[in-house]
Amino acid sequence: MSAYDWYAIRIRPTHRLEFTVLHALTQREHPAMVPFETKWEKHRTKRTRLAEQRYPIFPCYVFAQFCTYRDFWLTKEAINQRAIDIGKHPPIVGLVGYGSKPAKLSRTDVSMLQAISLPRMSDVNLHKAIRQGGRASVVARGHPLEGHTVTIDTITRSKCKILLEILGSMKVVEIDASAL
C-alpha cells in the first residue's frame, strides 16, 4: 500500500451492514463510501405510505482509503473487536486482492464510485419552505451565486428558475435545485 490509496473492503453478508461499517470507518476519520440506490417501498407498518430505502449497489463491499496495510489492519481489528464486545459477529472480512496482495482501485474506478455515491436529484428533498414566488439563499459552495438571496420563479425536479436582479433589471437564471 502507498500513501492514501482506495481499496475495496469485503464484509459479512448481513442486511445493511455496509452502512454500519461505513459509519465506523468515518468515525475513525477514514474517507469511505458505499454507492447506493434509492427505492421507494411501502412502509412496514403504515402500508398507505411510501418509505425511502437505500440499498448498496455492491452488496458486501465498502470502499475506503488507507495509508498503509497496518493502518487498515488496526482499523479492522478495532471495528471487529468493538462488534465482539457488544456480542455481534465481526463485520470486516478483509481487503479484496490478488492472492495475499491487496488490490488498489484506479483513479478512474474511484471517480466512477464517487459519482454514483453522490446524491442524485431524485434523492434530494427540497425543503417545504422552498416554493414558487418565495425567497431562498444560494448555499452551494463554489457556486457563482453563493450567498445571494434570490426569488424562485419555477421549480422542476432537478432545476429552479430564479429571478436575479442584475444592474437594476430582473433576469431569469436556471440553477440546480440542490444549490438552494
C-alpha atoms as a PDB file:
ATOM      1  CA  MET A   1       0.000   0.000   0.000  1.00  0.00           C
ATOM      2  CA  SER A   2       1.217   3.501  -0.733  1.00  0.00           C
ATOM      3  CA  ALA A   3       0.088   6.894   0.575  1.00  0.00           C
ATOM      4  CA  TYR A   4      -3.687   7.048   0.777  1.00  0.00           C
ATOM      5  CA  ASP A   5      -4.924   4.609  -1.841  1.00  0.00           C
ATOM      6  CA  TRP A   6      -8.526   3.415  -2.165  1.00  0.00           C
ATOM      7  CA  TYR A   7      -9.402  -0.237  -1.517  1.00  0.00           C
ATOM      8  CA  ALA A   8     -12.491  -2.430  -1.504  1.00  0.00           C
ATOM      9  CA  ILE A   9     -13.257  -3.932   1.899  1.00  0.00           C
ATOM     10  CA  ARG A  10     -15.200  -7.193   1.949  1.00  0.00           C
ATOM     11  CA  ILE A  11     -17.692  -7.532   4.790  1.00  0.00           C
ATOM     12  CA  ARG A  12     -20.004 -10.256   6.082  1.00  0.00           C
ATOM     13  CA  PRO A  13     -23.235 -10.709   4.106  1.00  0.00           C
ATOM     14  CA  THR A  14     -25.682  -9.169   6.561  1.00  0.00           C
ATOM     15  CA  HIS A  15     -28.552  -6.827   5.670  1.00  0.00           C
ATOM     16  CA  ARG A  16     -27.415  -3.143   5.770  1.00  0.00           C
ATOM     17  CA  LEU A  17     -24.078  -3.955   7.426  1.00  0.00           C
ATOM     18  CA  GLU A  18     -22.358  -1.856   4.745  1.00  0.00           C
ATOM     19  CA  PHE A  19     -23.770   1.323   6.287  1.00  0.00           C
ATOM     20  CA  THR A  20     -22.678   0.265   9.792  1.00  0.00           C
ATOM     21  CA  VAL A  21     -19.099  -0.329   8.604  1.00  0.00           C
ATOM     22  CA  LEU A  22     -19.199   2.957   6.657  1.00  0.00           C
ATOM     23  CA  HIS A  23     -20.175   4.765   9.856  1.00  0.00           C
ATOM     24  CA  ALA A  24     -17.434   3.030  11.859  1.00  0.00           C
ATOM     25  CA  LEU A  25     -14.792   3.947   9.260  1.00  0.00           C
ATOM     26  CA  THR A  26     -15.836   7.585   9.043  1.00  0.00           C
ATOM     27  CA  GLN A  27     -15.867   7.801  12.855  1.00  0.00           C
ATOM     28  CA  ARG A  28     -12.202   6.783  12.689  1.00  0.00           C
ATOM     29  CA  GLU A  29     -11.619   9.541  10.120  1.00  0.00           C
ATOM     30  CA  HIS A  30     -11.048   7.305   7.088  1.00  0.00           C
ATOM     31  CA  PRO A  31     -12.610   8.506   3.841  1.00  0.00           C
ATOM     32  CA  ALA A  32     -15.119   5.824   2.860  1.00  0.00           C
ATOM     33  CA  MET A  33     -18.165   5.348   0.632  1.00  0.00           C
ATOM     34  CA  VAL A  34     -20.982   2.926  -0.106  1.00  0.00           C
ATOM     35  CA  PRO A  35     -22.586   3.574  -3.515  1.00  0.00           C
ATOM     36  CA  PHE A  36     -26.318   3.040  -3.119  1.00  0.00           C
ATOM     37  CA  GLU A  37     -29.589   3.267  -4.986  1.00  0.00           C
ATOM     38  CA  THR A  38     -32.777   4.639  -3.505  1.00  0.00           C
ATOM     39  CA  LYS A  39     -36.048   2.753  -3.813  1.00  0.00           C
ATOM     40  CA  TRP A  40     -39.453   3.835  -2.607  1.00  0.00           C
ATOM     41  CA  GLU A  41     -41.329   0.984  -0.944  1.00  0.00           C
ATOM     42  CA  LYS A  42     -44.429   0.612   1.151  1.00  0.00           C
ATOM     43  CA  HIS A  43     -43.808   1.483   4.783  1.00  0.00           C
ATOM     44  CA  ARG A  44     -43.570  -1.616   7.009  1.00  0.00           C
ATOM     45  CA  THR A  45     -46.265  -0.557   9.468  1.00  0.00           C
ATOM     46  CA  LYS A  46     -48.205   2.089   7.525  1.00  0.00           C
ATOM     47  CA  ARG A  47     -48.992   0.378   4.242  1.00  0.00           C
ATOM     48  CA  THR A  48     -50.539   3.507   2.722  1.00  0.00           C
ATOM     49  CA  ARG A  49     -47.255   5.435   2.987  1.00  0.00           C
ATOM     50  CA  LEU A  50     -44.099   5.104   0.963  1.00  0.00           C
ATOM     51  CA  ALA A  51     -40.727   4.949   2.678  1.00  0.00           C
ATOM     52  CA  GLU A  52     -37.340   5.688   1.153  1.00  0.00           C
ATOM     53  CA  GLN A  53     -34.967   2.708   1.358  1.00  0.00           C
ATOM     54  CA  ARG A  54     -31.298   2.772   0.371  1.00  0.00           C
ATOM     55  CA  TYR A  55     -29.697  -0.382  -0.985  1.00  0.00           C
ATOM     56  CA  PRO A  56     -25.967  -0.807  -1.711  1.00  0.00           C
ATOM     57  CA  ILE A  57     -25.136  -1.185  -5.399  1.00  0.00           C
ATOM     58  CA  PHE A  58     -22.264  -3.512  -4.427  1.00  0.00           C
ATOM     59  CA  PRO A  59     -23.563  -5.646  -1.531  1.00  0.00           C
ATOM     60  CA  CYS A  60     -20.915  -6.803   0.951  1.00  0.00           C
ATOM     61  CA  TYR A  61     -18.385  -4.121  -0.082  1.00  0.00           C
ATOM     62  CA  VAL A  62     -17.341  -0.791   1.387  1.00  0.00           C
ATOM     63  CA  PHE A  63     -14.762   1.385  -0.348  1.00  0.00           C
ATOM     64  CA  ALA A  64     -12.242   3.189   1.862  1.00  0.00           C
ATOM     65  CA  GLN A  65      -8.911   4.973   1.783  1.00  0.00           C
ATOM     66  CA  PHE A  66      -5.934   3.881   3.881  1.00  0.00           C
ATOM     67  CA  CYS A  67      -2.308   4.971   4.141  1.00  0.00           C
ATOM     68  CA  THR A  68      -0.700   1.580   4.884  1.00  0.00           C
ATOM     69  CA  TYR A  69      -1.758  -2.032   5.286  1.00  0.00           C
ATOM     70  CA  ARG A  70      -1.046  -1.688   9.007  1.00  0.00           C
ATOM     71  CA  ASP A  71      -3.467   1.260   9.119  1.00  0.00           C
ATOM     72  CA  PHE A  72      -6.162  -0.945   7.566  1.00  0.00           C
ATOM     73  CA  TRP A  73      -5.328  -3.865   9.845  1.00  0.00           C
ATOM     74  CA  LEU A  74      -5.515  -1.749  13.035  1.00  0.00           C
ATOM     75  CA  THR A  75      -8.817  -0.218  11.922  1.00  0.00           C
ATOM     76  CA  LYS A  76     -10.221  -3.644  11.032  1.00  0.00           C
ATOM     77  CA  GLU A  77      -9.202  -5.099  14.388  1.00  0.00           C
ATOM     78  CA  ALA A  78     -10.711  -2.151  16.295  1.00  0.00           C
ATOM     79  CA  ILE A  79     -14.050  -2.379  14.434  1.00  0.00           C
ATOM     80  CA  ASN A  80     -14.211  -6.176  14.717  1.00  0.00           C
ATOM     81  CA  GLN A  81     -13.286  -6.082  18.425  1.00  0.00           C
ATOM     82  CA  ARG A  82     -15.981  -3.483  19.086  1.00  0.00           C
ATOM     83  CA  ALA A  83     -18.552  -5.784  17.447  1.00  0.00           C
ATOM     84  CA  ILE A  84     -17.369  -8.758  19.521  1.00  0.00           C
ATOM     85  CA  ASP A  85     -17.517  -6.671  22.718  1.00  0.00           C
ATOM     86  CA  ILE A  86     -21.209  -5.956  22.171  1.00  0.00           C
ATOM     87  CA  GLY A  87     -21.998  -9.572  21.272  1.00  0.00           C
ATOM     88  CA  LYS A  88     -22.053  -9.402  17.466  1.00  0.00           C
ATOM     89  CA  HIS A  89     -20.069 -11.128  14.748  1.00  0.00           C
ATOM     90  CA  PRO A  90     -17.016  -9.284  13.356  1.00  0.00           C
ATOM     91  CA  PRO A  91     -18.229  -7.380  10.269  1.00  0.00           C
ATOM     92  CA  ILE A  92     -14.991  -6.943   8.264  1.00  0.00           C
ATOM     93  CA  VAL A  93     -13.631  -9.991   6.447  1.00  0.00           C
ATOM     94  CA  GLY A  94     -10.682  -8.326   4.690  1.00  0.00           C
ATOM     95  CA  LEU A  95      -9.464  -6.427   1.659  1.00  0.00           C
ATOM     96  CA  VAL A  96     -10.189  -7.517  -1.882  1.00  0.00           C
ATOM     97  CA  GLY A  97      -6.932  -8.518  -3.541  1.00  0.00           C
ATOM     98  CA  TYR A  98      -4.912 -10.846  -5.687  1.00  0.00           C
ATOM     99  CA  GLY A  99      -3.636 -13.680  -3.524  1.00  0.00           C
ATOM    100  CA  SER A 100      -2.142 -12.014  -0.464  1.00  0.00           C
ATOM    101  CA  LYS A 101      -1.654  -8.625  -2.160  1.00  0.00           C
ATOM    102  CA  PRO A 102      -4.472  -6.032  -1.714  1.00  0.00           C
ATOM    103  CA  ALA A 103      -5.860  -4.588  -4.944  1.00  0.00           C
ATOM    104  CA  LYS A 104      -5.754  -0.799  -5.245  1.00  0.00           C
ATOM    105  CA  LEU A 105      -8.614   0.938  -7.010  1.00  0.00           C
ATOM    106  CA  SER A 106      -7.607   3.060 -10.001  1.00  0.00           C
ATOM    107  CA  ARG A 107      -8.415   6.768 -10.104  1.00  0.00           C
ATOM    108  CA  THR A 108     -10.996   6.051 -12.817  1.00  0.00           C
ATOM    109  CA  ASP A 109     -12.723   3.487 -10.585  1.00  0.00           C
ATOM    110  CA  VAL A 110     -12.708   5.857  -7.609  1.00  0.00           C
ATOM    111  CA  SER A 111     -14.117   8.698  -9.739  1.00  0.00           C
ATOM    112  CA  MET A 112     -16.898   6.439 -11.008  1.00  0.00           C
ATOM    113  CA  LEU A 113     -17.719   5.259  -7.474  1.00  0.00           C
ATOM    114  CA  GLN A 114     -17.754   8.823  -6.152  1.00  0.00           C
ATOM    115  CA  ALA A 115     -20.029   9.931  -8.982  1.00  0.00           C
ATOM    116  CA  ILE A 116     -22.600   7.240  -8.197  1.00  0.00           C
ATOM    117  CA  SER A 117     -22.185   7.821  -4.450  1.00  0.00           C
ATOM    118  CA  LEU A 118     -23.268  11.448  -4.683  1.00  0.00           C
ATOM    119  CA  PRO A 119     -26.986  12.024  -4.114  1.00  0.00           C
ATOM    120  CA  ARG A 120     -28.951  12.310  -7.313  1.00  0.00           C
ATOM    121  CA  MET A 121     -31.730  14.883  -7.610  1.00  0.00           C
ATOM    122  CA  SER A 122     -34.310  12.138  -7.011  1.00  0.00           C
ATOM    123  CA  ASP A 123     -32.574  11.627  -3.627  1.00  0.00           C
ATOM    124  CA  VAL A 124     -32.541  15.311  -2.684  1.00  0.00           C
ATOM    125  CA  ASN A 125     -35.656  16.514  -0.894  1.00  0.00           C
ATOM    126  CA  LEU A 126     -36.388  20.185  -1.293  1.00  0.00           C
ATOM    127  CA  HIS A 127     -37.375  21.895   1.914  1.00  0.00           C
ATOM    128  CA  LYS A 128     -41.100  22.710   2.120  1.00  0.00           C
ATOM    129  CA  ALA A 129     -40.256  26.399   2.516  1.00  0.00           C
ATOM    130  CA  ILE A 130     -38.780  26.476  -0.992  1.00  0.00           C
ATOM    131  CA  ARG A 131     -41.719  27.244  -3.256  1.00  0.00           C
ATOM    132  CA  GLN A 132     -42.573  29.317  -6.275  1.00  0.00           C
ATOM    133  CA  GLY A 133     -42.551  33.029  -5.513  1.00  0.00           C
ATOM    134  CA  GLY A 134     -40.561  32.512  -2.297  1.00  0.00           C
ATOM    135  CA  ARG A 135     -37.097  33.753  -1.488  1.00  0.00           C
ATOM    136  CA  ALA A 136     -34.117  31.480  -0.902  1.00  0.00           C
ATOM    137  CA  SER A 137     -30.367  31.737  -0.431  1.00  0.00           C
ATOM    138  CA  VAL A 138     -27.878  30.021  -2.702  1.00  0.00           C
ATOM    139  CA  VAL A 139     -25.794  27.866  -0.366  1.00  0.00           C
ATOM    140  CA  ALA A 140     -23.765  25.629  -2.721  1.00  0.00           C
ATOM    141  CA  ARG A 141     -20.049  26.133  -2.106  1.00  0.00           C
ATOM    142  CA  GLY A 142     -18.188  27.471  -5.080  1.00  0.00           C
ATOM    143  CA  HIS A 143     -21.413  28.426  -6.903  1.00  0.00           C
ATOM    144  CA  PRO A 144     -21.116  31.848  -8.578  1.00  0.00           C
ATOM    145  CA  LEU A 145     -24.272  32.987  -6.759  1.00  0.00           C
ATOM    146  CA  GLU A 146     -23.222  31.655  -3.341  1.00  0.00           C
ATOM    147  CA  GLY A 147     -24.624  33.846  -0.554  1.00  0.00           C
ATOM    148  CA  HIS A 148     -27.108  35.710  -2.775  1.00  0.00           C
ATOM    149  CA  THR A 149     -30.792  35.748  -1.865  1.00  0.00           C
ATOM    150  CA  VAL A 150     -32.953  35.080  -4.915  1.00  0.00           C
ATOM    151  CA  THR A 151     -36.662  34.843  -5.782  1.00  0.00           C
ATOM    152  CA  ILE A 152     -37.816  31.460  -7.093  1.00  0.00           C
ATOM    153  CA  ASP A 153     -39.723  31.637 -10.391  1.00  0.00           C
ATOM    154  CA  THR A 154     -40.356  27.939 -11.208  1.00  0.00           C
ATOM    155  CA  ILE A 155     -39.241  24.603  -9.757  1.00  0.00           C
ATOM    156  CA  THR A 156     -38.783  21.319 -11.603  1.00  0.00           C
ATOM    157  CA  ARG A 157     -37.418  18.070 -10.221  1.00  0.00           C
ATOM    158  CA  SER A 158     -33.777  18.997 -10.738  1.00  0.00           C
ATOM    159  CA  LYS A 159     -33.683  22.691 -11.693  1.00  0.00           C
ATOM    160  CA  CYS A 160     -35.001  26.000 -10.409  1.00  0.00           C
ATOM    161  CA  LYS A 161     -35.529  29.135 -12.454  1.00  0.00           C
ATOM    162  CA  ILE A 162     -34.740  32.089 -10.258  1.00  0.00           C
ATOM    163  CA  LEU A 163     -35.173  35.819 -10.653  1.00  0.00           C
ATOM    164  CA  LEU A 164     -31.874  37.597 -10.228  1.00  0.00           C
ATOM    165  CA  GLU A 165     -31.519  41.361 -10.087  1.00  0.00           C
ATOM    166  CA  ILE A 166     -28.577  42.399 -12.245  1.00  0.00           C
ATOM    167  CA  LEU A 167     -27.779  46.072 -12.911  1.00  0.00           C
ATOM    168  CA  GLY A 168     -31.269  47.193 -11.891  1.00  0.00           C
ATOM    169  CA  SER A 169     -33.194  44.703 -14.053  1.00  0.00           C
ATOM    170  CA  MET A 170     -34.562  41.230 -13.290  1.00  0.00           C
ATOM    171  CA  LYS A 171     -33.140  38.276 -15.235  1.00  0.00           C
ATOM    172  CA  VAL A 172     -34.320  34.645 -15.167  1.00  0.00           C
ATOM    173  CA  VAL A 173     -31.460  32.232 -14.476  1.00  0.00           C
ATOM    174  CA  GLU A 174     -31.662  28.425 -14.219  1.00  0.00           C
ATOM    175  CA  ILE A 175     -29.671  26.671 -11.474  1.00  0.00           C
ATOM    176  CA  ASP A 176     -29.618  23.214  -9.854  1.00  0.00           C
ATOM    177  CA  ALA A 177     -32.262  22.879  -7.155  1.00  0.00           C
ATOM    178  CA  SER A 178     -29.637  21.389  -4.820  1.00  0.00           C
ATOM    179  CA  ALA A 179     -27.824  24.752  -4.758  1.00  0.00           C
ATOM    180  CA  LEU A 180     -30.663  26.400  -2.788  1.00  0.00           C
END
